[in-house]
Protein backbone atom coordinates (compact mmCIF):
# COMPACT_ATOMS: atom_id res chain seq x y z
CA UNK A 1 0.00 0.00 0.00
CA UNK A 2 2.90 2.37 0.74
CA UNK A 3 5.89 2.41 -1.57
CA UNK A 4 8.88 4.39 -0.35
CA UNK A 5 10.76 6.48 -2.90
CA UNK A 6 13.97 8.47 -2.74
CA UNK A 7 12.12 11.79 -2.61
CA UNK A 8 9.00 10.63 -0.74
CA UNK A 9 6.48 7.83 -0.96
CA UNK A 10 3.39 6.64 -2.83
CA UNK A 11 0.12 5.50 -1.24
CA UNK A 12 -2.46 3.37 -3.04
CA UNK A 13 -5.93 4.82 -2.28
CA UNK A 14 -9.48 3.79 -3.16
CA UNK A 15 -11.51 6.97 -3.44
CA UNK A 16 -15.28 7.26 -3.06
CA UNK A 17 -16.48 10.68 -4.26
CA UNK A 18 -19.83 12.24 -3.42
CA UNK A 19 -19.77 11.05 0.21
CA UNK A 20 -21.51 12.71 3.14
CA UNK A 21 -18.18 13.77 4.67
CA UNK A 22 -14.47 13.87 3.90
CA UNK A 23 -12.78 11.06 5.82
CA UNK A 24 -10.22 8.28 5.75
CA UNK A 25 -11.63 4.87 6.62
CA UNK A 26 -8.38 2.93 7.07
CA UNK A 27 -6.89 0.02 5.15
CA UNK A 28 -8.81 -2.53 3.11
CA UNK A 29 -7.85 -5.56 1.02
CA UNK A 30 -9.07 -5.73 -2.58
CA UNK A 31 -10.26 -8.91 -4.31
CA UNK A 32 -6.77 -9.32 -5.83
CA UNK A 33 -5.23 -9.36 -2.34
CA UNK A 34 -3.56 -5.96 -2.61
CA UNK A 35 -4.30 -3.45 0.11
CA UNK A 36 -5.20 0.20 -0.19
CA UNK A 37 -6.29 3.09 1.96
CA UNK A 38 -10.03 3.86 1.79
CA UNK A 39 -10.96 7.53 1.53
CA UNK A 40 -14.22 9.40 0.96
CA UNK A 41 -14.70 12.99 -0.15
CA UNK A 42 -17.78 15.18 -0.56
CA UNK A 43 -16.59 16.50 -3.92
CA UNK A 44 -17.97 14.97 -7.10
CA UNK A 45 -15.69 13.50 -9.77
CA UNK A 46 -16.00 16.41 -12.20
CA UNK A 47 -13.07 18.44 -13.53
CA UNK A 48 -10.70 16.87 -10.98
CA UNK A 49 -12.60 18.16 -7.95
CA UNK A 50 -12.61 14.80 -6.15
CA UNK A 51 -8.88 14.33 -6.75
CA UNK A 52 -8.14 17.81 -5.37
CA UNK A 53 -10.28 17.06 -2.32
CA UNK A 54 -8.39 13.78 -1.80
CA UNK A 55 -5.05 15.58 -2.03
CA UNK A 56 -6.18 18.13 0.57
CA UNK A 57 -7.55 15.42 2.87
CA UNK A 58 -4.34 13.39 2.76
CA UNK A 59 -2.13 16.46 3.18
CA UNK A 60 -4.01 17.38 6.35
CA UNK A 61 -3.94 13.80 7.70
CA UNK A 62 -0.22 13.45 6.98
CA UNK A 63 0.75 16.88 8.26
CA UNK A 64 2.27 17.61 4.87
CA UNK A 65 2.00 20.80 2.82
CA UNK A 66 -0.82 20.66 0.27
CA UNK A 67 1.75 21.17 -2.51
CA UNK A 68 3.57 17.96 -1.46
CA UNK A 69 0.59 15.67 -2.19
CA UNK A 70 -0.58 14.84 -5.73
CA UNK A 71 -2.48 12.12 -7.56
CA UNK A 72 0.24 10.48 -9.65
CA UNK A 73 -1.78 7.70 -11.32
CA UNK A 74 -5.42 6.80 -11.74
CA UNK A 75 -6.88 10.30 -12.09
CA UNK A 76 -10.14 8.87 -13.49
CA UNK A 77 -10.08 5.53 -11.65
CA UNK A 78 -11.30 4.65 -8.16
CA UNK A 79 -7.92 3.17 -7.22
CA UNK A 80 -5.30 5.91 -7.33
CA UNK A 81 -1.64 6.30 -6.53
CA UNK A 82 -1.01 9.42 -4.50
CA UNK A 83 2.57 10.68 -4.35
CA UNK A 84 3.86 12.53 -1.29
CA UNK A 85 7.13 14.38 -1.73
CA UNK A 86 9.16 15.96 1.03
CA UNK A 87 12.64 15.95 2.44
CA UNK A 88 14.33 15.18 5.73
CA UNK A 89 12.33 15.34 8.93
CA UNK A 90 9.10 16.38 7.19
CA UNK A 91 9.24 13.22 5.07
CA UNK A 92 9.86 11.02 8.10
CA UNK A 93 6.87 12.52 9.97
CA UNK A 94 4.56 12.18 6.96
CA UNK A 95 5.64 8.58 6.36
CA UNK A 96 5.06 7.68 10.02
CA UNK A 97 1.57 9.21 9.87
CA UNK A 98 0.82 7.36 6.62
CA UNK A 99 1.82 4.05 8.17
CA UNK A 100 -0.43 4.79 11.16
CA UNK A 101 -3.37 5.56 8.83
CA UNK A 102 -2.76 2.27 7.03
CA UNK A 103 -2.68 0.29 10.26
CA UNK A 104 1.07 -0.27 9.96
CA UNK A 105 0.74 -2.02 6.56
CA UNK A 106 3.03 -1.03 3.71
PDB file of N, CA and C in Angstrom:
ATOM      1  N   UNK A   1       0.813  -1.178   0.000  1.00  0.00           N
ATOM      2  CA  UNK A   1       0.000   0.000   0.000  1.00  0.00           C
ATOM      3  C   UNK A   1       0.861   1.248   0.000  1.00  0.00           C
ATOM      4  N   UNK A   2       1.969   1.246   0.737  1.00  0.00           N
ATOM      5  CA  UNK A   2       2.900   2.371   0.736  1.00  0.00           C
ATOM      6  C   UNK A   2       4.188   1.905   0.071  1.00  0.00           C
ATOM      7  N   UNK A   3       4.631   2.683  -0.894  1.00  0.00           N
ATOM      8  CA  UNK A   3       5.890   2.405  -1.574  1.00  0.00           C
ATOM      9  C   UNK A   3       6.826   3.577  -1.316  1.00  0.00           C
ATOM     10  N   UNK A   4       7.925   3.313  -0.629  1.00  0.00           N
ATOM     11  CA  UNK A   4       8.879   4.385  -0.349  1.00  0.00           C
ATOM     12  C   UNK A   4       9.689   4.698  -1.598  1.00  0.00           C
ATOM     13  N   UNK A   5       9.981   5.981  -1.778  1.00  0.00           N
ATOM     14  CA  UNK A   5      10.761   6.483  -2.898  1.00  0.00           C
ATOM     15  C   UNK A   5      11.889   7.339  -2.332  1.00  0.00           C
ATOM     16  N   UNK A   6      12.839   7.654  -3.172  1.00  0.00           N
ATOM     17  CA  UNK A   6      13.971   8.469  -2.740  1.00  0.00           C
ATOM     18  C   UNK A   6      13.530   9.857  -2.254  1.00  0.00           C
ATOM     19  N   UNK A   7      12.553  10.428  -2.938  1.00  0.00           N
ATOM     20  CA  UNK A   7      12.116  11.786  -2.613  1.00  0.00           C
ATOM     21  C   UNK A   7      10.775  11.824  -1.883  1.00  0.00           C
ATOM     22  N   UNK A   8      10.289  10.680  -1.418  1.00  0.00           N
ATOM     23  CA  UNK A   8       9.000  10.632  -0.738  1.00  0.00           C
ATOM     24  C   UNK A   8       8.430   9.234  -0.735  1.00  0.00           C
ATOM     25  N   UNK A   9       7.118   9.136  -0.917  1.00  0.00           N
ATOM     26  CA  UNK A   9       6.480   7.826  -0.960  1.00  0.00           C
ATOM     27  C   UNK A   9       5.159   7.911  -1.711  1.00  0.00           C
ATOM     28  N   UNK A  10       4.670   6.759  -2.147  1.00  0.00           N
ATOM     29  CA  UNK A  10       3.388   6.638  -2.826  1.00  0.00           C
ATOM     30  C   UNK A  10       2.439   5.844  -1.944  1.00  0.00           C
ATOM     31  N   UNK A  11       1.163   6.226  -1.965  1.00  0.00           N
ATOM     32  CA  UNK A  11       0.122   5.497  -1.238  1.00  0.00           C
ATOM     33  C   UNK A  11      -0.954   5.104  -2.242  1.00  0.00           C
ATOM     34  N   UNK A  12      -1.359   3.836  -2.207  1.00  0.00           N
ATOM     35  CA  UNK A  12      -2.465   3.373  -3.044  1.00  0.00           C
ATOM     36  C   UNK A  12      -3.764   3.655  -2.274  1.00  0.00           C
ATOM     37  N   UNK A  13      -4.695   4.366  -2.928  1.00  0.00           N
ATOM     38  CA  UNK A  13      -5.926   4.819  -2.277  1.00  0.00           C
ATOM     39  C   UNK A  13      -7.129   4.450  -3.133  1.00  0.00           C
ATOM     40  N   UNK A  14      -8.194   3.984  -2.480  1.00  0.00           N
ATOM     41  CA  UNK A  14      -9.475   3.785  -3.162  1.00  0.00           C
ATOM     42  C   UNK A  14     -10.363   4.944  -2.747  1.00  0.00           C
ATOM     43  N   UNK A  15     -10.747   5.764  -3.718  1.00  0.00           N
ATOM     44  CA  UNK A  15     -11.514   6.971  -3.437  1.00  0.00           C
ATOM     45  C   UNK A  15     -12.988   6.789  -3.760  1.00  0.00           C
ATOM     46  N   UNK A  16     -13.836   7.217  -2.833  1.00  0.00           N
ATOM     47  CA  UNK A  16     -15.276   7.260  -3.057  1.00  0.00           C
ATOM     48  C   UNK A  16     -15.699   8.727  -3.041  1.00  0.00           C
ATOM     49  N   UNK A  17     -16.034   9.282  -4.209  1.00  0.00           N
ATOM     50  CA  UNK A  17     -16.480  10.676  -4.260  1.00  0.00           C
ATOM     51  C   UNK A  17     -17.961  10.791  -3.933  1.00  0.00           C
ATOM     52  N   UNK A  18     -18.423  12.000  -3.679  1.00  0.00           N
ATOM     53  CA  UNK A  18     -19.834  12.240  -3.417  1.00  0.00           C
ATOM     54  C   UNK A  18     -20.308  11.707  -2.076  1.00  0.00           C
ATOM     55  N   UNK A  19     -19.413  11.586  -1.113  1.00  0.00           N
ATOM     56  CA  UNK A  19     -19.766  11.055   0.209  1.00  0.00           C
ATOM     57  C   UNK A  19     -20.384  12.149   1.075  1.00  0.00           C
ATOM     58  N   UNK A  20     -20.901  11.762   2.211  1.00  0.00           N
ATOM     59  CA  UNK A  20     -21.514  12.712   3.139  1.00  0.00           C
ATOM     60  C   UNK A  20     -20.466  13.566   3.849  1.00  0.00           C
ATOM     61  N   UNK A  21     -19.245  13.048   3.978  1.00  0.00           N
ATOM     62  CA  UNK A  21     -18.182  13.771   4.674  1.00  0.00           C
ATOM     63  C   UNK A  21     -16.828  13.344   4.122  1.00  0.00           C
ATOM     64  N   UNK A  22     -15.847  14.212   4.265  1.00  0.00           N
ATOM     65  CA  UNK A  22     -14.470  13.871   3.900  1.00  0.00           C
ATOM     66  C   UNK A  22     -13.877  13.067   5.049  1.00  0.00           C
ATOM     67  N   UNK A  23     -13.390  11.859   4.751  1.00  0.00           N
ATOM     68  CA  UNK A  23     -12.782  11.060   5.817  1.00  0.00           C
ATOM     69  C   UNK A  23     -11.938   9.935   5.236  1.00  0.00           C
ATOM     70  N   UNK A  24     -11.048   9.438   6.079  1.00  0.00           N
ATOM     71  CA  UNK A  24     -10.216   8.281   5.749  1.00  0.00           C
ATOM     72  C   UNK A  24     -10.722   7.132   6.597  1.00  0.00           C
ATOM     73  N   UNK A  25     -11.029   6.008   5.933  1.00  0.00           N
ATOM     74  CA  UNK A  25     -11.633   4.873   6.619  1.00  0.00           C
ATOM     75  C   UNK A  25     -10.648   3.763   6.975  1.00  0.00           C
ATOM     76  N   UNK A  26      -9.363   3.949   6.731  1.00  0.00           N
ATOM     77  CA  UNK A  26      -8.378   2.928   7.071  1.00  0.00           C
ATOM     78  C   UNK A  26      -8.052   2.031   5.902  1.00  0.00           C
ATOM     79  N   UNK A  27      -7.363   0.940   6.187  1.00  0.00           N
ATOM     80  CA  UNK A  27      -6.889   0.019   5.152  1.00  0.00           C
ATOM     81  C   UNK A  27      -7.946  -1.021   4.814  1.00  0.00           C
ATOM     82  N   UNK A  28      -7.885  -1.506   3.576  1.00  0.00           N
ATOM     83  CA  UNK A  28      -8.811  -2.531   3.106  1.00  0.00           C
ATOM     84  C   UNK A  28      -8.089  -3.386   2.067  1.00  0.00           C
ATOM     85  N   UNK A  29      -8.413  -4.663   2.028  1.00  0.00           N
ATOM     86  CA  UNK A  29      -7.849  -5.562   1.018  1.00  0.00           C
ATOM     87  C   UNK A  29      -8.811  -5.660  -0.155  1.00  0.00           C
ATOM     88  N   UNK A  30      -8.268  -5.582  -1.362  1.00  0.00           N
ATOM     89  CA  UNK A  30      -9.074  -5.731  -2.577  1.00  0.00           C
ATOM     90  C   UNK A  30      -9.213  -7.214  -2.911  1.00  0.00           C
ATOM     91  N   UNK A  31     -10.036  -7.526  -3.891  1.00  0.00           N
ATOM     92  CA  UNK A  31     -10.256  -8.913  -4.310  1.00  0.00           C
ATOM     93  C   UNK A  31      -8.962  -9.565  -4.791  1.00  0.00           C
ATOM     94  N   UNK A  32      -8.035  -8.773  -5.333  1.00  0.00           N
ATOM     95  CA  UNK A  32      -6.772  -9.325  -5.832  1.00  0.00           C
ATOM     96  C   UNK A  32      -5.739  -9.509  -4.718  1.00  0.00           C
ATOM     97  N   UNK A  33      -6.121  -9.178  -3.468  1.00  0.00           N
ATOM     98  CA  UNK A  33      -5.225  -9.365  -2.336  1.00  0.00           C
ATOM     99  C   UNK A  33      -4.368  -8.149  -1.999  1.00  0.00           C
ATOM    100  N   UNK A  34      -4.339  -7.158  -2.878  1.00  0.00           N
ATOM    101  CA  UNK A  34      -3.560  -5.956  -2.612  1.00  0.00           C
ATOM    102  C   UNK A  34      -4.339  -5.046  -1.671  1.00  0.00           C
ATOM    103  N   UNK A  35      -3.631  -4.333  -0.835  1.00  0.00           N
ATOM    104  CA  UNK A  35      -4.297  -3.447   0.112  1.00  0.00           C
ATOM    105  C   UNK A  35      -4.226  -2.002  -0.367  1.00  0.00           C
ATOM    106  N   UNK A  36      -5.163  -1.219   0.125  1.00  0.00           N
ATOM    107  CA  UNK A  36      -5.197   0.201  -0.193  1.00  0.00           C
ATOM    108  C   UNK A  36      -5.845   0.939   0.972  1.00  0.00           C
ATOM    109  N   UNK A  37      -5.656   2.234   0.990  1.00  0.00           N
ATOM    110  CA  UNK A  37      -6.287   3.093   1.964  1.00  0.00           C
ATOM    111  C   UNK A  37      -7.646   3.507   1.411  1.00  0.00           C
ATOM    112  N   UNK A  38      -8.688   3.442   2.227  1.00  0.00           N
ATOM    113  CA  UNK A  38     -10.029   3.863   1.788  1.00  0.00           C
ATOM    114  C   UNK A  38     -10.237   5.307   2.203  1.00  0.00           C
ATOM    115  N   UNK A  39     -10.683   6.122   1.231  1.00  0.00           N
ATOM    116  CA  UNK A  39     -10.962   7.526   1.527  1.00  0.00           C
ATOM    117  C   UNK A  39     -12.271   7.928   0.865  1.00  0.00           C
ATOM    118  N   UNK A  40     -12.962   8.867   1.495  1.00  0.00           N
ATOM    119  CA  UNK A  40     -14.218   9.397   0.964  1.00  0.00           C
ATOM    120  C   UNK A  40     -14.114  10.915   0.957  1.00  0.00           C
ATOM    121  N   UNK A  41     -14.658  11.533  -0.084  1.00  0.00           N
ATOM    122  CA  UNK A  41     -14.701  12.993  -0.152  1.00  0.00           C
ATOM    123  C   UNK A  41     -16.087  13.442  -0.594  1.00  0.00           C
ATOM    124  N   UNK A  42     -16.478  14.627  -0.171  1.00  0.00           N
ATOM    125  CA  UNK A  42     -17.777  15.184  -0.560  1.00  0.00           C
ATOM    126  C   UNK A  42     -17.795  15.607  -2.019  1.00  0.00           C
ATOM    127  N   UNK A  43     -16.663  15.995  -2.547  1.00  0.00           N
ATOM    128  CA  UNK A  43     -16.593  16.503  -3.921  1.00  0.00           C
ATOM    129  C   UNK A  43     -17.010  15.428  -4.924  1.00  0.00           C
ATOM    130  N   UNK A  44     -17.574  15.880  -6.029  1.00  0.00           N
ATOM    131  CA  UNK A  44     -17.974  14.969  -7.101  1.00  0.00           C
ATOM    132  C   UNK A  44     -16.825  14.831  -8.098  1.00  0.00           C
ATOM    133  N   UNK A  45     -16.804  13.735  -8.851  1.00  0.00           N
ATOM    134  CA  UNK A  45     -15.691  13.503  -9.775  1.00  0.00           C
ATOM    135  C   UNK A  45     -15.838  14.273 -11.090  1.00  0.00           C
ATOM    136  N   UNK A  46     -15.891  15.573 -11.006  1.00  0.00           N
ATOM    137  CA  UNK A  46     -15.995  16.412 -12.197  1.00  0.00           C
ATOM    138  C   UNK A  46     -14.852  17.412 -12.212  1.00  0.00           C
ATOM    139  N   UNK A  47     -14.156  17.481 -13.333  1.00  0.00           N
ATOM    140  CA  UNK A  47     -13.066  18.437 -13.527  1.00  0.00           C
ATOM    141  C   UNK A  47     -11.994  18.322 -12.451  1.00  0.00           C
ATOM    142  N   UNK A  48     -11.763  17.110 -11.951  1.00  0.00           N
ATOM    143  CA  UNK A  48     -10.703  16.866 -10.980  1.00  0.00           C
ATOM    144  C   UNK A  48     -11.011  17.298  -9.555  1.00  0.00           C
ATOM    145  N   UNK A  49     -12.251  17.669  -9.284  1.00  0.00           N
ATOM    146  CA  UNK A  49     -12.605  18.158  -7.949  1.00  0.00           C
ATOM    147  C   UNK A  49     -12.404  17.100  -6.869  1.00  0.00           C
ATOM    148  N   UNK A  50     -12.771  15.862  -7.142  1.00  0.00           N
ATOM    149  CA  UNK A  50     -12.612  14.796  -6.147  1.00  0.00           C
ATOM    150  C   UNK A  50     -11.126  14.511  -5.890  1.00  0.00           C
ATOM    151  N   UNK A  51     -10.318  14.545  -6.929  1.00  0.00           N
ATOM    152  CA  UNK A  51      -8.877  14.330  -6.750  1.00  0.00           C
ATOM    153  C   UNK A  51      -8.260  15.443  -5.908  1.00  0.00           C
ATOM    154  N   UNK A  52      -8.657  16.676  -6.153  1.00  0.00           N
ATOM    155  CA  UNK A  52      -8.141  17.813  -5.373  1.00  0.00           C
ATOM    156  C   UNK A  52      -8.565  17.680  -3.908  1.00  0.00           C
ATOM    157  N   UNK A  53      -9.802  17.248  -3.679  1.00  0.00           N
ATOM    158  CA  UNK A  53     -10.278  17.058  -2.315  1.00  0.00           C
ATOM    159  C   UNK A  53      -9.496  15.941  -1.620  1.00  0.00           C
ATOM    160  N   UNK A  54      -9.193  14.870  -2.358  1.00  0.00           N
ATOM    161  CA  UNK A  54      -8.392  13.779  -1.802  1.00  0.00           C
ATOM    162  C   UNK A  54      -7.001  14.272  -1.437  1.00  0.00           C
ATOM    163  N   UNK A  55      -6.385  15.040  -2.305  1.00  0.00           N
ATOM    164  CA  UNK A  55      -5.049  15.576  -2.029  1.00  0.00           C
ATOM    165  C   UNK A  55      -5.060  16.434  -0.758  1.00  0.00           C
ATOM    166  N   UNK A  56      -6.067  17.277  -0.617  1.00  0.00           N
ATOM    167  CA  UNK A  56      -6.176  18.128   0.567  1.00  0.00           C
ATOM    168  C   UNK A  56      -6.406  17.299   1.829  1.00  0.00           C
ATOM    169  N   UNK A  57      -7.264  16.290   1.731  1.00  0.00           N
ATOM    170  CA  UNK A  57      -7.555  15.417   2.866  1.00  0.00           C
ATOM    171  C   UNK A  57      -6.296  14.690   3.333  1.00  0.00           C
ATOM    172  N   UNK A  58      -5.565  14.115   2.397  1.00  0.00           N
ATOM    173  CA  UNK A  58      -4.341  13.389   2.760  1.00  0.00           C
ATOM    174  C   UNK A  58      -3.263  14.329   3.288  1.00  0.00           C
ATOM    175  N   UNK A  59      -3.125  15.495   2.698  1.00  0.00           N
ATOM    176  CA  UNK A  59      -2.128  16.458   3.185  1.00  0.00           C
ATOM    177  C   UNK A  59      -2.391  16.801   4.646  1.00  0.00           C
ATOM    178  N   UNK A  60      -3.650  17.052   4.963  1.00  0.00           N
ATOM    179  CA  UNK A  60      -4.011  17.376   6.347  1.00  0.00           C
ATOM    180  C   UNK A  60      -3.727  16.195   7.273  1.00  0.00           C
ATOM    181  N   UNK A  61      -4.140  14.998   6.862  1.00  0.00           N
ATOM    182  CA  UNK A  61      -3.941  13.802   7.696  1.00  0.00           C
ATOM    183  C   UNK A  61      -2.471  13.476   7.906  1.00  0.00           C
ATOM    184  N   UNK A  62      -1.645  13.772   6.910  1.00  0.00           N
ATOM    185  CA  UNK A  62      -0.224  13.452   6.982  1.00  0.00           C
ATOM    186  C   UNK A  62       0.610  14.586   7.564  1.00  0.00           C
ATOM    187  N   UNK A  63      -0.003  15.738   7.767  1.00  0.00           N
ATOM    188  CA  UNK A  63       0.750  16.884   8.262  1.00  0.00           C
ATOM    189  C   UNK A  63       1.734  17.397   7.231  1.00  0.00           C
ATOM    190  N   UNK A  64       1.397  17.204   5.970  1.00  0.00           N
ATOM    191  CA  UNK A  64       2.275  17.613   4.873  1.00  0.00           C
ATOM    192  C   UNK A  64       1.702  18.860   4.206  1.00  0.00           C
ATOM    193  N   UNK A  65       2.541  19.661   3.569  1.00  0.00           N
ATOM    194  CA  UNK A  65       2.003  20.798   2.816  1.00  0.00           C
ATOM    195  C   UNK A  65       1.128  20.300   1.671  1.00  0.00           C
ATOM    196  N   UNK A  66       0.084  21.036   1.354  1.00  0.00           N
ATOM    197  CA  UNK A  66      -0.818  20.661   0.268  1.00  0.00           C
ATOM    198  C   UNK A  66      -0.056  20.458  -1.041  1.00  0.00           C
ATOM    199  N   UNK A  67       0.970  21.252  -1.265  1.00  0.00           N
ATOM    200  CA  UNK A  67       1.747  21.167  -2.506  1.00  0.00           C
ATOM    201  C   UNK A  67       2.595  19.899  -2.591  1.00  0.00           C
ATOM    202  N   UNK A  68       2.742  19.178  -1.479  1.00  0.00           N
ATOM    203  CA  UNK A  68       3.567  17.963  -1.455  1.00  0.00           C
ATOM    204  C   UNK A  68       2.775  16.709  -1.763  1.00  0.00           C
ATOM    205  N   UNK A  69       1.452  16.833  -1.973  1.00  0.00           N
ATOM    206  CA  UNK A  69       0.585  15.672  -2.187  1.00  0.00           C
ATOM    207  C   UNK A  69      -0.103  15.811  -3.545  1.00  0.00           C
ATOM    208  N   UNK A  70       0.031  14.780  -4.400  1.00  0.00           N
ATOM    209  CA  UNK A  70      -0.580  14.845  -5.733  1.00  0.00           C
ATOM    210  C   UNK A  70      -0.964  13.456  -6.221  1.00  0.00           C
ATOM    211  N   UNK A  71      -2.094  13.373  -6.917  1.00  0.00           N
ATOM    212  CA  UNK A  71      -2.481  12.117  -7.556  1.00  0.00           C
ATOM    213  C   UNK A  71      -1.509  11.884  -8.703  1.00  0.00           C
ATOM    214  N   UNK A  72      -0.768  10.782  -8.631  1.00  0.00           N
ATOM    215  CA  UNK A  72       0.243  10.482  -9.648  1.00  0.00           C
ATOM    216  C   UNK A  72      -0.286   9.550 -10.732  1.00  0.00           C
ATOM    217  N   UNK A  73      -1.185   8.653 -10.360  1.00  0.00           N
ATOM    218  CA  UNK A  73      -1.780   7.705 -11.318  1.00  0.00           C
ATOM    219  C   UNK A  73      -3.230   7.456 -10.940  1.00  0.00           C
ATOM    220  N   UNK A  74      -4.033   7.166 -11.965  1.00  0.00           N
ATOM    221  CA  UNK A  74      -5.423   6.804 -11.736  1.00  0.00           C
ATOM    222  C   UNK A  74      -6.349   7.989 -11.569  1.00  0.00           C
ATOM    223  N   UNK A  75      -6.071   9.079 -12.247  1.00  0.00           N
ATOM    224  CA  UNK A  75      -6.876  10.300 -12.095  1.00  0.00           C
ATOM    225  C   UNK A  75      -8.359  10.056 -12.323  1.00  0.00           C
ATOM    226  N   UNK A  76      -8.721   9.133 -13.224  1.00  0.00           N
ATOM    227  CA  UNK A  76     -10.137   8.869 -13.493  1.00  0.00           C
ATOM    228  C   UNK A  76     -10.594   7.513 -12.950  1.00  0.00           C
ATOM    229  N   UNK A  77      -9.747   6.846 -12.213  1.00  0.00           N
ATOM    230  CA  UNK A  77     -10.078   5.527 -11.652  1.00  0.00           C
ATOM    231  C   UNK A  77     -10.376   5.653 -10.162  1.00  0.00           C
ATOM    232  N   UNK A  78     -11.044   4.653  -9.605  1.00  0.00           N
ATOM    233  CA  UNK A  78     -11.304   4.648  -8.155  1.00  0.00           C
ATOM    234  C   UNK A  78     -10.029   4.375  -7.367  1.00  0.00           C
ATOM    235  N   UNK A  79      -9.186   3.468  -7.883  1.00  0.00           N
ATOM    236  CA  UNK A  79      -7.920   3.167  -7.220  1.00  0.00           C
ATOM    237  C   UNK A  79      -6.868   4.117  -7.789  1.00  0.00           C
ATOM    238  N   UNK A  80      -6.248   4.889  -6.911  1.00  0.00           N
ATOM    239  CA  UNK A  80      -5.297   5.909  -7.328  1.00  0.00           C
ATOM    240  C   UNK A  80      -3.972   5.702  -6.615  1.00  0.00           C
ATOM    241  N   UNK A  81      -2.925   6.213  -7.204  1.00  0.00           N
ATOM    242  CA  UNK A  81      -1.639   6.297  -6.533  1.00  0.00           C
ATOM    243  C   UNK A  81      -1.401   7.759  -6.221  1.00  0.00           C
ATOM    244  N   UNK A  82      -1.252   8.053  -4.936  1.00  0.00           N
ATOM    245  CA  UNK A  82      -1.014   9.421  -4.499  1.00  0.00           C
ATOM    246  C   UNK A  82       0.444   9.520  -4.072  1.00  0.00           C
ATOM    247  N   UNK A  83       1.145  10.485  -4.640  1.00  0.00           N
ATOM    248  CA  UNK A  83       2.571  10.680  -4.349  1.00  0.00           C
ATOM    249  C   UNK A  83       2.732  11.805  -3.341  1.00  0.00           C
ATOM    250  N   UNK A  84       3.526  11.533  -2.307  1.00  0.00           N
ATOM    251  CA  UNK A  84       3.857  12.525  -1.292  1.00  0.00           C
ATOM    252  C   UNK A  84       5.352  12.776  -1.387  1.00  0.00           C
ATOM    253  N   UNK A  85       5.713  14.022  -1.625  1.00  0.00           N
ATOM    254  CA  UNK A  85       7.129  14.376  -1.727  1.00  0.00           C
ATOM    255  C   UNK A  85       7.493  15.324  -0.602  1.00  0.00           C
ATOM    256  N   UNK A  86       8.650  15.109  -0.038  1.00  0.00           N
ATOM    257  CA  UNK A  86       9.156  15.958   1.033  1.00  0.00           C
ATOM    258  C   UNK A  86      10.623  15.621   1.226  1.00  0.00           C
ATOM    259  N   UNK A  87      11.252  16.284   2.153  1.00  0.00           N
ATOM    260  CA  UNK A  87      12.638  15.950   2.440  1.00  0.00           C
ATOM    261  C   UNK A  87      12.871  15.916   3.946  1.00  0.00           C
ATOM    262  N   UNK A  88      13.883  15.217   4.348  1.00  0.00           N
ATOM    263  CA  UNK A  88      14.329  15.182   5.731  1.00  0.00           C
ATOM    264  C   UNK A  88      13.271  14.819   6.749  1.00  0.00           C
ATOM    265  N   UNK A  89      13.208  15.620   7.804  1.00  0.00           N
ATOM    266  CA  UNK A  89      12.328  15.343   8.932  1.00  0.00           C
ATOM    267  C   UNK A  89      10.859  15.390   8.533  1.00  0.00           C
ATOM    268  N   UNK A  90      10.498  16.286   7.635  1.00  0.00           N
ATOM    269  CA  UNK A  90       9.096  16.375   7.192  1.00  0.00           C
ATOM    270  C   UNK A  90       8.663  15.075   6.532  1.00  0.00           C
ATOM    271  N   UNK A  91       9.534  14.488   5.724  1.00  0.00           N
ATOM    272  CA  UNK A  91       9.237  13.222   5.068  1.00  0.00           C
ATOM    273  C   UNK A  91       9.063  12.117   6.103  1.00  0.00           C
ATOM    274  N   UNK A  92       9.943  12.053   7.069  1.00  0.00           N
ATOM    275  CA  UNK A  92       9.862  11.018   8.104  1.00  0.00           C
ATOM    276  C   UNK A  92       8.549  11.123   8.879  1.00  0.00           C
ATOM    277  N   UNK A  93       8.138  12.336   9.242  1.00  0.00           N
ATOM    278  CA  UNK A  93       6.874  12.524   9.969  1.00  0.00           C
ATOM    279  C   UNK A  93       5.684  12.107   9.119  1.00  0.00           C
ATOM    280  N   UNK A  94       5.676  12.519   7.852  1.00  0.00           N
ATOM    281  CA  UNK A  94       4.559  12.175   6.960  1.00  0.00           C
ATOM    282  C   UNK A  94       4.475  10.678   6.745  1.00  0.00           C
ATOM    283  N   UNK A  95       5.622  10.020   6.565  1.00  0.00           N
ATOM    284  CA  UNK A  95       5.639   8.578   6.358  1.00  0.00           C
ATOM    285  C   UNK A  95       5.141   7.849   7.596  1.00  0.00           C
ATOM    286  N   UNK A  96       5.545   8.294   8.778  1.00  0.00           N
ATOM    287  CA  UNK A  96       5.061   7.681  10.022  1.00  0.00           C
ATOM    288  C   UNK A  96       3.550   7.825  10.150  1.00  0.00           C
ATOM    289  N   UNK A  97       3.015   8.988   9.804  1.00  0.00           N
ATOM    290  CA  UNK A  97       1.568   9.207   9.872  1.00  0.00           C
ATOM    291  C   UNK A  97       0.835   8.347   8.838  1.00  0.00           C
ATOM    292  N   UNK A  98       1.430   8.200   7.653  1.00  0.00           N
ATOM    293  CA  UNK A  98       0.819   7.360   6.618  1.00  0.00           C
ATOM    294  C   UNK A  98       0.750   5.912   7.082  1.00  0.00           C
ATOM    295  N   UNK A  99       1.805   5.428   7.674  1.00  0.00           N
ATOM    296  CA  UNK A  99       1.816   4.052   8.174  1.00  0.00           C
ATOM    297  C   UNK A  99       0.770   3.868   9.254  1.00  0.00           C
ATOM    298  N   UNK A 100       0.589   4.872  10.105  1.00  0.00           N
ATOM    299  CA  UNK A 100      -0.430   4.785  11.158  1.00  0.00           C
ATOM    300  C   UNK A 100      -1.839   4.744  10.532  1.00  0.00           C
ATOM    301  N   UNK A 101      -2.084   5.557   9.513  1.00  0.00           N
ATOM    302  CA  UNK A 101      -3.372   5.558   8.831  1.00  0.00           C
ATOM    303  C   UNK A 101      -3.672   4.196   8.206  1.00  0.00           C
ATOM    304  N   UNK A 102      -2.621   3.552   7.734  1.00  0.00           N
ATOM    305  CA  UNK A 102      -2.764   2.270   7.031  1.00  0.00           C
ATOM    306  C   UNK A 102      -2.705   1.095   7.994  1.00  0.00           C
ATOM    307  N   UNK A 103      -2.716   1.356   9.275  1.00  0.00           N
ATOM    308  CA  UNK A 103      -2.676   0.287  10.264  1.00  0.00           C
ATOM    309  C   UNK A 103      -1.343  -0.421  10.307  1.00  0.00           C
ATOM    310  N   UNK A 104      -0.270   0.294   9.935  1.00  0.00           N
ATOM    311  CA  UNK A 104       1.069  -0.274   9.964  1.00  0.00           C
ATOM    312  C   UNK A 104       1.425  -1.070   8.722  1.00  0.00           C
ATOM    313  N   UNK A 105       0.476  -1.257   7.783  1.00  0.00           N
ATOM    314  CA  UNK A 105       0.743  -2.018   6.560  1.00  0.00           C
ATOM    315  C   UNK A 105       1.467  -1.154   5.537  1.00  0.00           C
ATOM    316  N   UNK A 106       2.355  -1.774   4.784  1.00  0.00           N
ATOM    317  CA  UNK A 106       3.031  -1.033   3.708  1.00  0.00           C
ATOM    318  C   UNK A 106       2.892  -1.737   2.408  1.00  0.00           C
TER     319      UNK A 106
END
